[in-house]
Amino acid sequence: MADLPRLELGARIARTSEGMHTYLPVTGRDALDVLLRSLPPTPEAAGVPNDFGLHTYSPHSHFVARYLRTGEYLDQALAALARLTRYFSAEVAVRHFLNDFPEETMKAVDAWARDEDYRTRRLASEATRPLLPCAPRISLPADAALPVLEQLYGDSNTYVRTSVANHLHDLSDTEPDLVLATLQRWKDSGRATDKHFTFITRQALRSRLKKGWPAAYAFLGYAHDAPIDLSPLTLERTELADGDTLSFSATLTTTGRPSASDVRGLVNDTDRQAAREGVLPSTWHGRAPQRTLAHVGPRAAVDGHREADTRRLLDRPPGQRAPIPRGCLHRPHSLITPLPSPARPRSSVFKAAPSAPLPPQPCARRPSDRQERGWRRELAGLTTQPPTSAGAGSGSVCMIQLRESEIPAV
């Protein structure tokens, strides 16, 4: 074992498993019995810190897959993996059995999906994933485990549901239509709560959403032909030196009354979800048929409920991330870190078409913010102008000009 410190994790697991085989005085079923009797009575007694398990027990499942993967010991080996996964997740070891004994192993997997221990139920989904990272590929058809997922998608445990979502995500790489059909069937059954089903759906379709697949957006309620016009991109300037900041703007205008699903997607979703799905939050209140939003600079959005409240933070302990209230200017990264070049003023412009012109309001700044951040944001100007086109609505357009700059430390 002298070479152990020089090895990476996978090689260490294999080397430890080899050492166990070399120095155990027995082999076969007797060796497996010794291995299982060496386990503490429960994962909690073993000090397992999380659902995934403790790496101390990772060589155990490797030992089973390497030295007991034969027809003679098959039933005992699979039963041992179902128990060992409670101490350290055993999906990699199971995949070797799936390749060598697919029918027998899938029968065991089907039984694991109904096990009373959630870690064993999760093993049924995780071990059969088509594209499990850092694991050998399996020769089963990509949809071979769908009957297992049918039993698990409504599971009460998050650890299990996450595995189901990741399994579908793997499947969506080659069978996206099958994944959508499966999700639709689950949705119609009503077995999973709305919250749990939404989580599974978003996780399963995340790569397809990034690729802009219209069917994925439609399933989540975002119409592919939403009544939205995008204006040409406007650049502040076309020549930049190294380290300069480029400000740009574009206007999204709803040309018709959005559907209820469009409103939920554009207004009620969090900024993080909207950014992940490529949906820009809207300022539409639901009271007027048209709204306009211009986005300047990265990660910026104005919530339509209180456009004029351009800067407000909640009280928090020192050093803790600032919670951002709904209805305020959302600039998460700017609010918690200094600007890259605080000495150079930087401006952000937002356009909104409110139902009535907004009066100028000073930015609400707390002294502690100035002391902690070394910068400030000021309301540099507020003007209104008529709509630029006939499709922009009947209200005036409000221009809010914000400026960020360095201030002396207090």
Protein backbone atom coordinates (compact mmCIF):
# COMPACT_ATOMS: atom_id res chain seq x y z
CA MET A 1 0.00 0.00 0.00
CA ALA A 2 3.03 2.27 -0.12
CA ASP A 3 1.97 3.63 -3.49
CA LEU A 4 -1.43 4.82 -2.20
CA PRO A 5 -0.52 8.51 -1.57
CA ARG A 6 0.56 8.94 -5.19
CA LEU A 7 -2.69 7.61 -6.66
CA GLU A 8 -5.84 9.52 -7.65
CA LEU A 9 -9.19 8.73 -6.07
CA GLY A 10 -10.35 6.00 -8.47
CA ALA A 11 -6.99 4.28 -8.38
CA ARG A 12 -6.93 4.46 -4.58
CA ILE A 13 -10.32 2.76 -4.37
CA ALA A 14 -9.14 -0.01 -6.71
CA ARG A 15 -5.85 -0.40 -4.83
CA THR A 16 -7.62 -0.68 -1.48
CA SER A 17 -10.04 -3.23 -2.91
CA GLU A 18 -7.08 -5.24 -4.20
CA GLY A 19 -5.48 -5.12 -0.76
CA MET A 20 -8.66 -6.42 0.85
CA HIS A 21 -8.70 -9.33 -1.59
CA THR A 22 -5.03 -10.08 -0.95
CA TYR A 23 -5.16 -10.09 2.83
CA LEU A 24 -8.61 -11.46 3.61
CA PRO A 25 -8.11 -15.10 4.66
CA VAL A 26 -11.24 -16.22 2.78
CA THR A 27 -12.79 -15.72 -0.67
CA GLY A 28 -16.19 -15.89 -2.34
CA ARG A 29 -19.28 -15.87 -0.10
CA ASP A 30 -17.15 -16.04 3.03
CA ALA A 31 -15.25 -12.90 2.02
CA LEU A 32 -18.52 -11.12 1.30
CA ASP A 33 -19.84 -12.15 4.71
CA VAL A 34 -16.74 -10.70 6.38
CA LEU A 35 -17.16 -7.50 4.41
CA LEU A 36 -20.81 -7.02 5.42
CA ARG A 37 -20.18 -7.91 9.07
CA SER A 38 -17.48 -5.22 9.19
CA LEU A 39 -20.09 -2.50 8.54
CA PRO A 40 -21.51 -0.52 11.46
CA PRO A 41 -25.16 -1.35 12.15
CA THR A 42 -26.46 1.83 10.44
CA PRO A 43 -25.02 4.58 8.20
CA GLU A 44 -25.58 7.04 11.03
CA ALA A 45 -23.49 4.89 13.36
CA ALA A 46 -20.78 4.85 10.69
CA GLY A 47 -20.68 8.66 10.66
CA VAL A 48 -21.95 8.96 7.10
CA PRO A 49 -22.29 12.76 6.66
CA ASN A 50 -24.65 12.94 3.70
CA ASP A 51 -26.90 11.00 1.34
CA PHE A 52 -24.06 10.11 -1.02
CA GLY A 53 -22.01 8.37 1.64
CA LEU A 54 -18.55 8.15 3.14
CA HIS A 55 -15.56 7.37 0.92
CA THR A 56 -14.20 5.03 3.57
CA TYR A 57 -16.72 2.48 2.25
CA SER A 58 -16.16 3.04 -1.47
CA PRO A 59 -13.72 0.08 -1.82
CA HIS A 60 -16.40 -2.30 -0.53
CA SER A 61 -18.66 -2.05 -3.59
CA HIS A 62 -15.61 -2.09 -5.86
CA PHE A 63 -14.56 -5.37 -4.19
CA VAL A 64 -17.99 -6.87 -4.88
CA ALA A 65 -17.95 -5.82 -8.54
CA ARG A 66 -14.39 -7.01 -9.13
CA TYR A 67 -14.24 -10.29 -7.27
CA LEU A 68 -17.85 -11.48 -6.93
CA ARG A 69 -19.26 -10.64 -10.37
CA THR A 70 -19.97 -14.22 -11.37
CA GLY A 71 -23.09 -16.26 -11.90
CA GLU A 72 -22.28 -18.30 -8.79
CA TYR A 73 -22.39 -15.29 -6.45
CA LEU A 74 -24.75 -13.06 -8.43
CA ASP A 75 -27.73 -12.93 -6.05
CA GLN A 76 -25.58 -12.41 -2.97
CA ALA A 77 -23.49 -9.74 -4.71
CA LEU A 78 -26.50 -7.70 -5.84
CA ALA A 79 -28.07 -7.91 -2.38
CA ALA A 80 -24.78 -6.73 -0.89
CA LEU A 81 -24.66 -3.70 -3.21
CA ALA A 82 -28.20 -2.74 -2.16
CA ARG A 83 -26.96 -2.62 1.42
CA LEU A 84 -23.56 -1.07 0.72
CA THR A 85 -25.10 1.87 -1.17
CA ARG A 86 -26.39 3.18 2.18
CA TYR A 87 -22.78 3.68 3.28
CA PHE A 88 -21.39 4.84 -0.07
CA SER A 89 -23.32 5.12 -3.32
CA ALA A 90 -22.77 1.94 -5.34
CA GLU A 91 -24.10 2.85 -8.80
CA VAL A 92 -20.71 2.45 -10.52
CA ALA A 93 -20.34 -1.12 -9.27
CA VAL A 94 -23.89 -1.98 -10.35
CA ARG A 95 -23.14 -0.94 -13.93
CA HIS A 96 -20.61 -3.74 -14.29
CA PHE A 97 -23.35 -6.21 -13.38
CA LEU A 98 -25.74 -4.55 -15.86
CA ASN A 99 -23.26 -5.20 -18.65
CA ASP A 100 -22.53 -8.81 -17.69
CA PHE A 101 -25.94 -9.91 -16.37
CA PRO A 102 -28.49 -7.39 -17.72
CA GLU A 103 -31.71 -9.36 -17.18
CA GLU A 104 -30.89 -10.58 -13.67
CA THR A 105 -29.60 -7.19 -12.59
CA MET A 106 -32.65 -5.34 -13.94
CA LYS A 107 -34.88 -7.64 -11.88
CA ALA A 108 -32.92 -6.58 -8.80
CA VAL A 109 -33.13 -2.91 -9.86
CA ASP A 110 -36.91 -3.18 -10.12
CA ALA A 111 -37.05 -4.52 -6.55
CA TRP A 112 -34.73 -1.75 -5.32
CA ALA A 113 -37.16 0.87 -6.64
CA ARG A 114 -39.66 -0.34 -4.02
CA ASP A 115 -37.17 -0.60 -1.13
CA GLU A 116 -37.95 1.13 2.15
CA ASP A 117 -34.55 2.89 2.22
CA TYR A 118 -34.44 5.95 -0.02
CA ARG A 119 -30.76 5.43 -0.85
CA THR A 120 -31.52 2.02 -2.29
CA ARG A 121 -34.44 3.46 -4.26
CA ARG A 122 -32.15 6.13 -5.63
CA LEU A 123 -29.66 3.42 -6.66
CA ALA A 124 -32.31 1.95 -8.99
CA SER A 125 -32.43 5.18 -10.99
CA GLU A 126 -28.81 6.30 -10.70
CA ALA A 127 -27.21 2.98 -11.68
CA THR A 128 -29.24 2.79 -14.90
CA ARG A 129 -28.61 6.35 -16.12
CA PRO A 130 -27.62 6.33 -19.80
CA LEU A 131 -24.78 8.87 -19.33
CA LEU A 132 -23.70 8.55 -15.70
CA PRO A 133 -20.54 10.69 -15.25
CA CYS A 134 -17.25 8.99 -14.32
CA ALA A 135 -18.73 5.54 -14.86
CA PRO A 136 -18.60 2.82 -17.52
CA ARG A 137 -21.27 2.95 -20.20
CA ILE A 138 -23.95 0.28 -20.13
CA SER A 139 -25.17 -1.72 -23.11
CA LEU A 140 -28.88 -1.49 -22.27
CA PRO A 141 -31.27 0.48 -24.48
CA ALA A 142 -31.49 4.10 -23.35
CA ASP A 143 -35.14 3.71 -22.29
CA ALA A 144 -34.68 0.38 -20.51
CA ALA A 145 -35.17 1.90 -17.06
CA LEU A 146 -38.31 3.94 -17.80
CA PRO A 147 -40.52 1.45 -15.87
CA VAL A 148 -38.26 2.03 -12.85
CA LEU A 149 -38.60 5.80 -13.19
CA GLU A 150 -42.38 5.39 -13.33
CA GLN A 151 -42.21 4.11 -9.76
CA LEU A 152 -39.80 6.79 -8.51
CA TYR A 153 -40.77 10.16 -10.00
CA GLY A 154 -43.37 10.75 -7.27
CA ASP A 155 -40.99 9.71 -4.47
CA SER A 156 -41.15 11.72 -1.27
CA ASN A 157 -37.35 12.08 -1.07
CA THR A 158 -35.48 14.84 -2.92
CA TYR A 159 -32.39 12.64 -3.34
CA VAL A 160 -34.46 10.13 -5.31
CA ARG A 161 -36.31 12.73 -7.41
CA THR A 162 -33.05 14.43 -8.33
CA SER A 163 -31.71 11.15 -9.68
CA VAL A 164 -34.90 10.67 -11.71
CA ALA A 165 -34.51 14.16 -13.18
CA ASN A 166 -30.85 13.55 -14.05
CA HIS A 167 -31.77 10.20 -15.61
CA LEU A 168 -34.29 11.92 -17.88
CA HIS A 169 -31.71 14.60 -18.64
CA ASP A 170 -29.32 11.91 -19.87
CA LEU A 171 -32.10 10.39 -21.96
CA SER A 172 -32.98 13.76 -23.49
CA ASP A 173 -29.58 13.81 -25.21
CA THR A 174 -30.71 11.11 -27.64
CA GLU A 175 -34.47 10.74 -27.10
CA PRO A 176 -35.89 14.21 -26.40
CA ASP A 177 -39.35 13.40 -27.75
CA LEU A 178 -39.56 10.34 -25.50
CA VAL A 179 -38.63 12.49 -22.50
CA LEU A 180 -41.38 15.01 -23.32
CA ALA A 181 -43.92 12.22 -23.76
CA THR A 182 -42.88 10.73 -20.41
CA LEU A 183 -43.15 14.09 -18.65
CA GLN A 184 -46.55 14.71 -20.19
CA ARG A 185 -47.77 11.32 -18.98
CA TRP A 186 -46.50 12.04 -15.47
CA LYS A 187 -48.09 15.46 -15.50
CA ASP A 188 -51.46 14.02 -16.51
CA SER A 189 -51.29 11.37 -13.78
CA GLY A 190 -51.07 13.98 -11.01
CA ARG A 191 -49.00 11.69 -8.77
CA ALA A 192 -46.26 14.24 -8.13
CA THR A 193 -46.95 17.59 -6.51
CA ASP A 194 -46.67 20.67 -8.74
CA LYS A 195 -43.50 21.78 -6.98
CA HIS A 196 -41.79 18.40 -7.32
CA PHE A 197 -42.89 17.91 -10.91
CA THR A 198 -41.69 21.38 -11.90
CA PHE A 199 -38.28 20.61 -10.41
CA ILE A 200 -38.02 17.34 -12.33
CA THR A 201 -39.11 19.01 -15.57
CA ARG A 202 -36.66 21.89 -15.38
CA GLN A 203 -33.76 19.60 -14.48
CA ALA A 204 -34.62 17.08 -17.17
CA LEU A 205 -34.94 19.71 -19.92
CA ARG A 206 -32.14 22.04 -18.87
CA SER A 207 -29.81 21.21 -21.77
CA ARG A 208 -32.63 21.34 -24.30
CA LEU A 209 -33.63 24.76 -22.97
CA LYS A 210 -30.06 26.01 -23.36
CA LYS A 211 -30.10 24.80 -26.96
CA GLY A 212 -33.36 26.70 -27.58
CA TRP A 213 -35.51 23.67 -28.38
CA PRO A 214 -39.01 25.13 -28.97
CA ALA A 215 -40.82 22.01 -27.70
CA ALA A 216 -39.11 22.29 -24.31
CA TYR A 217 -40.14 25.93 -23.92
CA ALA A 218 -43.68 25.13 -25.01
CA PHE A 219 -43.92 22.37 -22.41
CA LEU A 220 -42.94 24.86 -19.70
CA GLY A 221 -45.56 27.31 -20.94
CA TYR A 222 -43.38 29.68 -22.94
CA ALA A 223 -44.95 30.11 -26.36
CA HIS A 224 -42.47 29.84 -29.24
CA ASP A 225 -44.40 32.51 -31.14
CA ALA A 226 -44.88 34.89 -28.19
CA PRO A 227 -46.04 38.38 -29.32
CA ILE A 228 -42.71 40.10 -28.71
CA ASP A 229 -40.65 42.40 -30.92
CA LEU A 230 -36.94 42.99 -30.37
CA SER A 231 -35.46 46.29 -31.50
CA PRO A 232 -32.03 46.44 -33.15
CA LEU A 233 -29.12 46.40 -30.71
CA THR A 234 -27.75 49.86 -29.94
CA LEU A 235 -24.08 50.24 -28.98
CA GLU A 236 -22.84 53.22 -26.99
CA ARG A 237 -19.67 53.24 -29.08
CA THR A 238 -17.88 51.06 -31.59
CA GLU A 239 -14.25 51.58 -30.59
CA LEU A 240 -12.92 50.09 -27.34
CA ALA A 241 -9.55 49.99 -25.64
CA ASP A 242 -8.38 47.10 -23.51
CA GLY A 243 -10.30 47.15 -20.21
CA ASP A 244 -13.11 49.43 -21.42
CA THR A 245 -16.75 48.67 -20.71
CA LEU A 246 -19.25 48.51 -23.55
CA SER A 247 -22.81 49.59 -22.83
CA PHE A 248 -25.51 48.30 -25.13
CA SER A 249 -29.30 48.37 -25.22
CA ALA A 250 -32.23 46.69 -26.86
CA THR A 251 -35.95 46.98 -26.36
CA LEU A 252 -38.37 44.09 -25.94
CA THR A 253 -41.94 45.12 -26.72
CA THR A 254 -45.04 42.98 -26.32
CA THR A 255 -47.19 43.50 -29.41
CA GLY A 256 -50.24 41.79 -27.96
CA ARG A 257 -51.67 40.73 -24.65
CA PRO A 258 -49.48 37.93 -23.22
CA SER A 259 -51.09 34.71 -22.07
CA ALA A 260 -51.21 33.74 -18.40
CA SER A 261 -48.27 31.38 -18.89
CA ASP A 262 -46.21 34.16 -20.52
CA VAL A 263 -46.89 36.40 -17.52
CA ARG A 264 -45.88 33.68 -15.05
CA GLY A 265 -42.73 33.00 -17.00
CA LEU A 266 -41.73 36.64 -17.43
CA VAL A 267 -42.80 38.17 -14.13
CA ASN A 268 -43.03 35.55 -11.39
CA ASP A 269 -39.98 33.42 -12.20
CA THR A 270 -36.82 34.28 -10.32
CA ASP A 271 -34.02 36.07 -12.16
CA ARG A 272 -31.86 32.96 -11.88
CA GLN A 273 -34.46 30.76 -13.54
CA ALA A 274 -35.14 33.37 -16.20
CA ALA A 275 -31.47 33.72 -17.03
CA ARG A 276 -31.03 29.95 -17.22
CA GLU A 277 -33.94 29.61 -19.64
CA GLY A 278 -33.06 32.67 -21.69
CA VAL A 279 -36.22 34.55 -20.65
CA LEU A 280 -35.83 38.21 -19.73
CA PRO A 281 -38.11 39.41 -16.90
CA SER A 282 -40.83 41.77 -18.11
CA THR A 283 -42.35 44.90 -16.61
CA TRP A 284 -45.87 43.89 -17.63
CA HIS A 285 -48.35 44.39 -14.74
CA GLY A 286 -51.32 42.57 -16.22
CA ARG A 287 -53.29 45.83 -16.38
CA ALA A 288 -52.10 47.19 -19.72
CA PRO A 289 -51.79 45.31 -23.01
CA GLN A 290 -48.22 46.42 -23.78
CA ARG A 291 -44.99 46.90 -21.86
CA THR A 292 -41.43 47.70 -22.83
CA LEU A 293 -38.13 46.82 -21.18
CA ALA A 294 -34.62 47.77 -22.23
CA HIS A 295 -31.64 45.87 -20.83
CA VAL A 296 -28.23 47.55 -20.60
CA GLY A 297 -25.18 45.72 -19.33
CA PRO A 298 -25.01 42.19 -17.86
CA ARG A 299 -27.44 40.63 -15.37
CA ALA A 300 -29.87 43.52 -14.99
CA ALA A 301 -33.65 43.51 -14.73
CA VAL A 302 -36.33 45.90 -13.57
CA ASP A 303 -39.35 44.34 -11.91
CA GLY A 304 -42.56 45.98 -13.05
CA HIS A 305 -44.23 46.38 -9.69
CA ARG A 306 -42.05 49.24 -8.43
CA GLU A 307 -39.85 50.53 -11.26
CA ALA A 308 -39.04 53.84 -9.51
CA ASP A 309 -37.49 52.20 -6.43
CA THR A 310 -34.09 52.02 -8.08
CA ARG A 311 -31.92 51.03 -5.10
CA ARG A 312 -32.91 49.42 -1.82
CA LEU A 313 -31.29 46.81 0.38
CA LEU A 314 -32.55 44.97 3.44
CA ASP A 315 -30.65 45.09 6.72
CA ARG A 316 -28.32 42.14 7.21
CA PRO A 317 -25.44 41.03 9.46
CA PRO A 318 -21.96 42.19 8.36
CA GLY A 319 -20.48 40.07 5.61
CA GLN A 320 -23.74 38.33 4.75
CA ARG A 321 -25.14 38.41 1.22
CA ALA A 322 -27.81 41.04 0.79
CA PRO A 323 -31.34 39.72 0.22
CA ILE A 324 -32.94 41.49 -2.72
CA PRO A 325 -36.63 42.37 -2.30
CA ARG A 326 -39.10 41.85 -5.13
CA GLY A 327 -40.03 45.00 -6.98
CA CYS A 328 -36.55 46.53 -6.88
CA LEU A 329 -33.66 46.93 -9.25
CA HIS A 330 -31.98 43.53 -9.44
CA ARG A 331 -28.21 43.62 -9.95
CA PRO A 332 -27.11 40.64 -7.80
CA HIS A 333 -23.42 40.68 -8.67
CA SER A 334 -23.05 44.45 -8.46
CA LEU A 335 -24.74 44.53 -5.07
CA ILE A 336 -22.32 42.15 -3.40
CA THR A 337 -18.98 42.89 -5.08
CA PRO A 338 -17.16 46.12 -5.98
CA LEU A 339 -17.14 47.23 -9.59
CA PRO A 340 -14.16 46.00 -11.64
CA SER A 341 -12.93 49.58 -12.15
CA PRO A 342 -14.67 51.74 -9.52
CA ALA A 343 -12.73 54.86 -10.50
CA ARG A 344 -14.39 54.91 -13.92
CA PRO A 345 -18.06 55.98 -13.77
CA ARG A 346 -20.42 53.47 -15.29
CA SER A 347 -24.05 53.96 -16.16
CA SER A 348 -26.99 51.64 -16.60
CA VAL A 349 -30.13 52.65 -18.46
CA PHE A 350 -33.52 51.03 -18.18
CA LYS A 351 -36.64 51.85 -20.16
CA ALA A 352 -40.10 51.08 -18.96
CA ALA A 353 -43.55 52.07 -20.22
CA PRO A 354 -45.57 52.62 -17.04
CA SER A 355 -49.24 53.38 -17.00
CA ALA A 356 -48.37 56.87 -15.69
CA PRO A 357 -45.11 58.87 -15.69
CA LEU A 358 -42.97 58.15 -12.63
CA PRO A 359 -41.76 61.06 -10.48
CA PRO A 360 -38.02 61.34 -9.80
CA GLN A 361 -36.98 59.55 -6.61
CA PRO A 362 -33.53 59.61 -4.99
CA CYS A 363 -31.75 56.31 -4.54
CA ALA A 364 -31.99 54.92 -1.02
CA ARG A 365 -28.43 54.37 0.21
CA ARG A 366 -27.33 53.32 3.65
CA PRO A 367 -24.03 54.64 5.09
CA SER A 368 -22.86 51.08 5.75
CA ASP A 369 -23.19 50.26 2.05
CA ARG A 370 -20.88 53.11 1.12
CA GLN A 371 -18.37 52.09 3.76
CA GLU A 372 -18.43 48.42 2.78
CA ARG A 373 -18.51 48.76 -0.99
CA GLY A 374 -16.58 51.94 -1.68
CA TRP A 375 -18.97 52.93 -4.45
CA ARG A 376 -22.39 54.43 -4.88
CA ARG A 377 -25.23 54.53 -7.37
CA GLU A 378 -27.05 57.77 -8.02
CA LEU A 379 -30.14 58.71 -9.94
CA ALA A 380 -28.54 60.90 -12.60
CA GLY A 381 -31.71 61.71 -14.49
CA LEU A 382 -35.31 60.78 -15.14
CA THR A 383 -37.08 61.82 -18.32
CA THR A 384 -40.15 60.80 -20.27
CA GLN A 385 -40.66 60.68 -23.99
CA PRO A 386 -43.45 59.60 -26.33
CA PRO A 387 -43.46 56.07 -27.69
CA THR A 388 -41.03 55.61 -30.56
CA SER A 389 -43.39 53.48 -32.64
CA ALA A 390 -47.06 52.82 -33.08
CA GLY A 391 -46.66 49.32 -31.59
CA ALA A 392 -45.13 50.51 -28.33
CA GLY A 393 -48.37 51.31 -26.53
CA SER A 394 -50.14 54.49 -25.65
CA GLY A 395 -48.27 55.49 -22.48
CA SER A 396 -45.09 57.53 -22.19
CA VAL A 397 -41.70 55.88 -21.99
CA CYS A 398 -39.77 56.55 -18.79
CA MET A 399 -35.96 56.77 -19.02
CA ILE A 400 -34.12 56.05 -15.75
CA GLN A 401 -30.42 56.97 -15.78
CA LEU A 402 -28.25 55.46 -13.03
CA ARG A 403 -24.58 56.19 -12.43
CA GLU A 404 -22.11 54.16 -10.38
CA SER A 405 -18.86 55.71 -9.22
CA GLU A 406 -16.18 55.44 -6.56
CA ILE A 407 -16.50 57.50 -3.37
CA PRO A 408 -13.93 58.09 -0.63
CA ALA A 409 -13.97 55.60 2.25
CA VAL A 410 -15.79 56.93 5.32
